[in-house]
Protein backbone atom coordinates (compact mmCIF):
# COMPACT_ATOMS: atom_id res chain seq x y z
CA MET A 1 -7.46 2.95 44.53
CA PHE A 2 -10.30 0.55 45.61
CA THR A 3 -10.96 0.34 49.31
CA ASP A 4 -13.17 -1.57 51.57
CA LEU A 5 -14.93 0.30 54.38
CA ASP A 6 -15.65 -1.66 57.55
CA GLY A 7 -12.56 -2.67 59.27
CA THR A 8 -10.47 -0.91 56.62
CA LEU A 9 -11.07 2.66 56.00
CA LEU A 10 -13.56 2.58 58.98
CA ASP A 11 -12.73 1.31 62.41
CA HIS A 12 -14.49 -2.06 62.91
CA HIS A 13 -16.11 -0.96 66.29
CA SER A 14 -16.61 2.77 66.13
CA TYR A 15 -16.91 3.26 62.29
CA ASP A 16 -14.55 6.15 62.80
CA CYS A 17 -12.11 7.08 59.77
CA THR A 18 -10.36 10.09 61.37
CA PRO A 19 -6.76 8.66 61.18
CA ALA A 20 -7.10 8.09 57.41
CA LEU A 21 -8.34 11.52 56.54
CA PRO A 22 -4.98 13.20 55.85
CA MET A 23 -3.98 10.62 53.36
CA LEU A 24 -7.38 10.54 51.82
CA GLU A 25 -7.09 14.34 51.29
CA ARG A 26 -3.66 13.96 49.72
CA LEU A 27 -5.13 11.47 47.23
CA ARG A 28 -8.03 13.68 46.52
CA ALA A 29 -5.83 16.61 45.90
CA SER A 30 -3.63 14.51 43.66
CA ARG A 31 -6.81 13.41 41.64
CA VAL A 32 -6.18 9.82 42.42
CA PRO A 33 -9.58 8.09 42.04
CA VAL A 34 -10.58 6.51 45.31
CA ILE A 35 -13.43 3.96 44.86
CA LEU A 36 -15.34 2.71 47.84
CA SER A 37 -15.96 -1.18 47.59
CA THR A 38 -18.00 -2.43 50.40
CA SER A 39 -20.67 -4.78 51.72
CA LYS A 40 -22.67 -1.80 52.55
CA THR A 41 -25.72 -0.55 50.73
CA LEU A 42 -25.96 2.35 48.18
CA SER A 43 -27.77 4.38 50.82
CA GLU A 44 -25.04 3.72 53.37
CA THR A 45 -22.03 4.13 51.03
CA ARG A 46 -23.39 7.27 49.37
CA HIS A 47 -23.64 8.89 52.88
CA HIS A 48 -19.89 7.99 53.49
CA ALA A 49 -18.85 9.12 50.06
CA GLN A 50 -20.34 12.55 50.59
CA ALA A 51 -18.84 12.91 53.94
CA LEU A 52 -15.35 12.07 52.58
CA GLY A 53 -15.77 14.25 49.50
CA LEU A 54 -15.79 11.30 47.07
CA ASP A 55 -17.80 11.69 43.93
CA GLY A 56 -16.85 8.66 41.77
CA PRO A 57 -18.46 5.28 41.24
CA LEU A 58 -19.35 3.14 44.19
CA ILE A 59 -19.18 -0.74 44.56
CA THR A 60 -21.68 -1.67 46.98
CA GLU A 61 -23.18 -4.84 48.52
CA ASN A 62 -19.93 -6.83 47.88
CA GLY A 63 -20.16 -6.09 44.11
CA GLY A 64 -23.91 -6.80 43.94
CA ALA A 65 -24.45 -3.30 42.86
CA VAL A 66 -22.09 -1.05 40.79
CA CYS A 67 -23.26 2.60 41.21
CA VAL A 68 -22.15 5.37 38.81
CA PRO A 69 -23.22 9.00 39.61
CA LEU A 70 -25.47 10.54 36.94
CA ALA A 71 -24.33 13.65 35.12
CA PRO A 72 -25.77 17.03 36.28
CA SER A 73 -28.19 16.66 33.38
CA GLY A 74 -29.47 13.47 34.96
CA GLU A 75 -28.03 11.32 32.08
CA SER A 76 -26.04 8.16 32.81
CA ARG A 77 -22.22 8.54 32.53
CA THR A 78 -21.54 4.76 32.04
CA ASP A 79 -22.25 2.23 29.43
CA LEU A 80 -22.86 -0.38 32.02
CA PRO A 81 -26.32 -1.97 31.72
CA THR A 82 -28.57 0.15 33.99
CA ASP A 83 -31.13 -1.67 35.96
CA LEU A 84 -32.37 1.31 38.02
CA ILE A 85 -31.86 4.82 39.01
CA ASP A 86 -31.47 5.32 42.70
CA SER A 87 -30.28 8.38 44.77
CA GLY A 88 -28.59 10.02 41.75
CA TYR A 89 -26.76 6.92 40.58
CA ALA A 90 -27.26 4.63 37.57
CA VAL A 91 -27.05 1.14 39.21
CA SER A 92 -26.18 -2.22 37.68
CA VAL A 93 -27.46 -5.07 39.84
CA SER A 94 -25.89 -8.59 39.78
CA GLY A 95 -28.11 -11.60 40.26
CA PRO A 96 -31.84 -11.86 40.78
CA GLY A 97 -32.30 -8.65 42.88
CA TYR A 98 -33.21 -8.35 46.44
CA THR A 99 -36.89 -9.24 46.43
CA ARG A 100 -36.37 -12.50 44.54
CA LEU A 101 -33.16 -13.32 46.60
CA LYS A 102 -35.17 -12.92 49.78
CA GLU A 103 -37.84 -15.25 48.53
CA TRP A 104 -35.27 -17.89 47.60
CA LEU A 105 -33.70 -17.71 50.98
CA HIS A 106 -37.01 -18.10 52.84
CA ARG A 107 -37.96 -21.10 50.54
CA THR A 108 -34.56 -22.72 51.17
CA ARG A 109 -34.59 -22.21 54.90
CA THR A 110 -38.17 -23.63 55.18
CA ALA A 111 -37.50 -26.61 53.03
CA SER A 112 -34.14 -27.67 54.40
CA GLY A 113 -34.45 -26.57 58.00
CA PHE A 114 -31.37 -24.38 58.05
CA ARG A 115 -30.97 -22.03 61.01
CA PHE A 116 -30.02 -18.59 60.03
CA THR A 117 -31.50 -15.02 60.24
CA GLY A 118 -30.78 -11.90 58.02
CA PHE A 119 -31.61 -8.37 57.68
CA ASP A 120 -35.00 -9.08 56.21
CA ASP A 121 -35.84 -10.88 59.51
CA TRP A 122 -34.85 -8.00 61.70
CA THR A 123 -36.22 -4.47 62.47
CA ASP A 124 -34.05 -1.34 62.11
CA GLN A 125 -33.44 -1.60 65.98
CA GLN A 126 -32.30 -5.17 65.67
CA VAL A 127 -29.85 -4.44 62.80
CA ALA A 128 -28.51 -1.58 64.94
CA GLU A 129 -28.05 -4.10 67.80
CA HIS A 130 -26.24 -6.60 65.61
CA THR A 131 -24.00 -4.12 63.88
CA GLY A 132 -23.43 -1.34 66.38
CA LEU A 133 -24.69 1.11 63.92
CA ALA A 134 -26.92 4.19 65.05
CA PHE A 135 -30.61 3.67 64.30
CA GLU A 136 -30.58 5.98 61.18
CA ALA A 137 -27.59 4.21 59.69
CA ALA A 138 -29.21 0.81 60.55
CA SER A 139 -32.24 1.83 58.64
CA ARG A 140 -29.93 2.66 55.56
CA ALA A 141 -28.40 -0.76 55.96
CA ARG A 142 -31.78 -2.32 55.23
CA GLU A 143 -32.34 -0.50 51.93
CA ARG A 144 -30.87 -3.40 49.99
CA LEU A 145 -30.77 -3.87 46.11
CA ALA A 146 -28.90 -7.16 45.58
CA THR A 147 -27.66 -9.12 48.67
CA GLU A 148 -28.59 -10.45 52.03
CA PRO A 149 -26.32 -10.41 54.94
CA LEU A 150 -27.03 -13.24 57.53
CA ILE A 151 -25.89 -14.80 60.84
CA TRP A 152 -25.42 -18.48 60.49
CA GLU A 153 -26.89 -20.36 63.59
CA ASP A 154 -26.42 -23.84 62.44
CA SER A 155 -23.59 -26.21 62.40
CA PRO A 156 -20.49 -26.13 60.14
CA GLU A 157 -21.64 -29.15 58.31
CA ALA A 158 -25.03 -27.43 57.63
CA LEU A 159 -23.19 -24.35 56.41
CA LYS A 160 -21.40 -26.44 53.80
CA GLN A 161 -24.76 -27.85 52.65
CA PHE A 162 -26.24 -24.38 52.52
CA GLN A 163 -23.25 -23.20 50.50
CA SER A 164 -23.85 -25.92 48.00
CA HIS A 165 -27.48 -24.90 47.69
CA VAL A 166 -26.19 -21.37 47.06
CA SER A 167 -23.79 -22.33 44.41
CA ALA A 168 -26.36 -24.51 42.64
CA ALA A 169 -28.69 -21.70 42.43
CA GLY A 170 -26.03 -19.55 40.70
CA LEU A 171 -25.37 -17.40 43.80
CA ARG A 172 -22.34 -16.92 46.16
CA CYS A 173 -21.96 -16.99 49.83
CA VAL A 174 -19.04 -14.84 51.08
CA GLN A 175 -17.91 -14.20 54.65
CA GLY A 176 -17.40 -10.61 55.72
CA GLY A 177 -16.31 -9.04 59.00
CA ARG A 178 -19.61 -9.58 60.70
CA PHE A 179 -21.87 -11.66 58.59
CA TYR A 180 -22.10 -14.06 55.74
CA HIS A 181 -23.43 -12.45 52.61
CA VAL A 182 -25.64 -14.25 49.84
CA THR A 183 -24.94 -12.46 46.72
CA GLY A 184 -25.40 -12.71 42.90
CA PRO A 185 -22.57 -14.10 40.77
CA ARG A 186 -20.49 -10.79 40.74
CA GLY A 187 -18.14 -10.10 43.61
CA LYS A 188 -15.82 -7.20 44.36
CA ALA A 189 -13.14 -8.28 41.98
CA GLU A 190 -15.48 -8.32 38.92
CA ALA A 191 -17.14 -4.96 40.00
CA MET A 192 -13.62 -3.41 40.12
CA GLN A 193 -12.90 -4.57 36.62
CA LEU A 194 -16.17 -3.19 35.36
CA VAL A 195 -15.47 0.22 36.97
CA LEU A 196 -11.95 0.28 35.37
CA ASP A 197 -13.18 -0.83 31.93
CA ARG A 198 -16.42 1.07 31.64
CA SER A 199 -16.97 3.74 34.39
CA LEU A 200 -13.85 5.83 34.65
CA PRO A 201 -12.94 8.30 31.82
CA PRO A 202 -10.19 7.06 29.52
CA GLY A 203 -6.82 8.12 30.99
CA ASN A 204 -8.11 8.78 34.36
CA TYR A 205 -5.71 6.20 35.94
CA THR A 206 -2.29 5.46 34.71
CA GLY A 207 -0.42 4.12 37.76
CA PRO A 208 -0.81 0.78 39.56
CA ILE A 209 -4.38 -0.37 40.72
CA VAL A 210 -4.35 -0.63 44.50
CA ALA A 211 -6.97 -2.58 46.53
CA LEU A 212 -7.23 -2.48 50.22
CA GLY A 213 -9.35 -4.76 52.52
CA ASP A 214 -9.47 -6.86 55.72
CA GLY A 215 -11.93 -9.68 55.14
CA PRO A 216 -12.46 -12.81 53.04
CA ASN A 217 -15.00 -11.00 50.87
CA ASP A 218 -12.16 -8.57 49.81
CA ARG A 219 -9.79 -11.44 48.85
CA ASP A 220 -10.56 -11.64 45.17
CA MET A 221 -10.31 -7.88 44.78
CA LEU A 222 -6.90 -7.87 46.23
CA LEU A 223 -5.74 -10.77 44.06
CA ARG A 224 -6.72 -8.80 40.97
CA ALA A 225 -5.08 -5.54 41.98
CA ASP A 226 -1.40 -4.58 41.12
CA ILE A 227 -0.79 -3.63 44.80
CA ALA A 228 -2.69 -5.68 47.44
CA VAL A 229 -2.99 -4.34 50.96
CA ALA A 230 -4.33 -6.77 53.68
CA ILE A 231 -5.25 -4.61 56.49
CA LYS A 232 -4.90 -6.15 60.01
CA ASP A 233 -8.26 -7.15 61.13
CA HIS A 234 -9.89 -6.32 64.43
CA ARG A 235 -8.86 -9.65 65.88
CA GLY A 236 -5.24 -9.02 65.00
CA GLY A 237 -5.01 -11.38 62.11
CA TYR A 238 -4.97 -11.28 58.31
CA MET A 239 -7.00 -12.72 55.37
CA ASP A 240 -5.52 -15.79 53.76
CA LEU A 241 -3.68 -14.60 50.90
CA PRO A 242 -0.92 -17.15 49.96
CA GLU A 243 -1.04 -16.24 46.18
CA ARG A 244 0.21 -12.80 46.88
CA PRO A 245 3.50 -13.02 48.87
CA ASP A 246 4.07 -9.37 47.75
CA ALA A 247 0.95 -8.06 49.50
CA ILE A 248 1.45 -5.23 52.02
CA LEU A 249 0.45 -6.47 55.54
CA THR A 250 -0.24 -3.43 57.82
CA GLN A 251 0.99 -3.31 61.32
CA ALA A 252 -2.18 -1.43 62.56
CA ALA A 253 -5.80 -2.36 62.03
CA GLY A 254 -8.55 -0.17 60.49
CA PRO A 255 -8.01 3.37 59.40
CA LEU A 256 -4.53 3.51 61.16
CA GLY A 257 -3.44 0.52 59.05
CA TRP A 258 -5.06 2.21 55.89
CA ARG A 259 -3.01 5.37 56.47
CA GLU A 260 0.19 3.26 57.07
CA ALA A 261 -0.35 1.50 53.69
CA ILE A 262 -1.01 4.66 51.66
CA GLU A 263 2.09 6.32 53.00
CA ARG A 264 4.07 3.44 52.16
CA ILE A 265 2.66 3.14 48.59
CA LEU A 266 3.10 6.87 47.90
CA ARG A 267 6.71 6.66 48.94
CA ASP A 268 7.18 3.68 46.58
CA HIS A 269 4.98 5.21 43.77
CA PRO A 270 5.27 8.96 43.93
CA ILE A 271 2.44 10.76 42.23
CA PRO A 272 3.56 12.87 39.26
CA VAL A 273 3.13 16.62 39.79
């Protein structure tokens, strides 16, 4: 089970996940792997994983970093190429890495006159103001490895031009719940497949692959899953998903919708005892 965080497992405004906890505990007790797949950083996601009692791989920064916990001995438990060790995880980074990505964005903005600002332009306090995060959480959000969230302050026409620049550089520009994210070539869908193929023990999953999300940056992940769950977003709408008429559309938003979807899935696909 692969799940987005913001607006899906976590409430868009309060970041609370309380309504989802009973179903999350049921999945954990049944040994169903629950993989967080989010635009958040490893520092942020690790914090949430620990609070939720999840000890598996993490997909962070929209697939820009696939993070697999190290064994107690400190050895890697994955055959994914490991670019760095961070916070007890072996990390595979997609794209040029954060430092070079920032440099490219600054050059592009200066040369083309595009108007946007991103996390690298802001202080921790400004990130807190833009996201509604507490100051400590905002600081974790700036510990980036692979991608840059930004607010577009220019015209729609300029955005299309910017997206062309991004694509020509071998990068991606995806829209999340709050920001546009400039990322490497690997998205959530590709990261999900890497985790399935190379970072879970053989035989650790035998049922359908479930993906849950609420934003455009979750779309490809849902398309690749056996069961796609489009969580109602905080505005009351759903992502565009015409290729999946079988997708589950929740009546509730955020963690209430998450719980609703998991209850339905477990009714239709009982977990063997």
